[in-house]
Structures are given as structure tokens and as C-alpha cells.
């Protein structure tokens, strides 16, 4: 499934979701729209105290939630599940092929039972394609399989070794074990990378909560009328609050771009 596009249709988003789980439900779709709307509306209203302005910002946030946040979230889950299946495949095939009497087809038939979702279907397709084919067709089948997961360079190397084994009939188990070790190390680095991202996500959420708390504290300490007249509805208030929203929007978009790029560990290992 291609993941490089910046815009996805609802059917494509549903494909991400259903590849390793249940189809996208209406409840999830509504939450992805309503959550950013409520956050954007609330924050803007607390700053400007104009519900029309807050409504407009809320609508923009809802659109952003649907067009950016939801695809990023579904894409990350999809890629995470796919990586887990690839790592399971690499470990399983390496273990099975330590037996010199076991063929590639036999190993694939065994390991496919341990996988799930879209990746399992891809292996079944590979097994079907390999049956009774000459060397050229076998190479093409493995190349097609590897191409789908080409962002994972180490996995691609592993599939290349399987191709050689299938064609030449001999297994270079030392090379397979070395690649297996690399992929397990990659898994560890990737997990650490995701944990760091989770910390950043928590810190960002905490920052937003603190900002809202400060706004509420200031407005209540000066009194509702004083805050609205002296700041929120003043020219100075419009300028500073507008700049705050603008800077925060840029920062959040950069944050989402950073959050979306989990695959960077797979190509820069």
C-alpha cells in the first residue's frame, strides 16, 4: 500500500485501517473531526471572546484534523503493524532455514501461519506465484514482494537473500542471521524513537493545557469585563492573540510532520 501521497481519499484511509484490523468506523471519523474542532474553538474563544472567530478557527481545525491528523494517525498504526509483521517474518524464516533440509516453500508455508493482516495476504500471494515457476518468475515474484516494502532497506536485503536461496537451492544461513540481527537492532532503535515521540506528544499536550490554564487565570484575576475590554477586544489583543495562534499553528504543523515520519529509522539505519 503506497504511503507517500499527501492526500488520501476516505476509501484509502479505510484501507489503512482495515489492513491490520477493523474498517474505519463512523465514530472514529467523527472523533477525528470533533476533537480538533473543540480544541481550536475553545482556545480561540478564550483568547478573543468572539464566538464567530472561534467557530471559524474550529472549522479550520476540524478540516485539518480530517485532512492531516487522521491520515497521520492511521498511517503510523499501519506502518507499525507492517513493521511488526516484517520483523516476525525475518525472525521466523531465519529460524526455519537453519535446517538445511527445509526448502523456501516449506519455510514460507510455516511462517505464513504466524503472520496476519495484509502482510499475511502478501505472503500467500508470494507462495502461490512461486509454485511451479522457473527462476526468472521466481526472481520477479520476490522482487515484487520486496518492492512493496522497499522503505525497509534491511528487509529488502533479507528478501534478496531468500531469492538467491530459492534459485540456487542453497542457504547462506550466516548472512541471513546477520541480516536478522540488523533487523532486530532496527526494531529496538525504532521502538526507542517512538518512545521519544510519545514523550514529545505528552509535553506538547501539557504545554497546551498550561497555556489554557494561564489564559483562564489571567482572565479571572482581572475580571471578565476588564480582560475582555482591556485586552481581548483591544487592537493590541487582536494583534498579539492573532500572532500567538499563527505561531502555534506553524509549530503544530511542524510537530505533526515530525510525528508522521516514523519510517525515517528504516531508511537511515
Foldseek 3Di string as FASTA:
>chain_A
DDDPDQFDDLVVLQCLDQQFHHGDDPVNLVCLQQVQLVLQLVVLCLQQVDNVVSNVRSNVSSVCSNGFVSSLVSLVVSVVLVLVQLLLLLVQLLVVVVPLVDALLNSLVVSLVVHDGNLSVLSVVLSVQPPPDALVSNVVSLVVSCVVVVLQVLSSVLSVQSSCCNHVVGHPSVVSVVSSVVSVVLVVVLVVVVVVLVVVVVVVVVVSVVVSVVSVVVCPVCDVVCCNVVASNDPNSCVVVVVVVVVVVVVVVVSSVVSSPSSVSSNVD
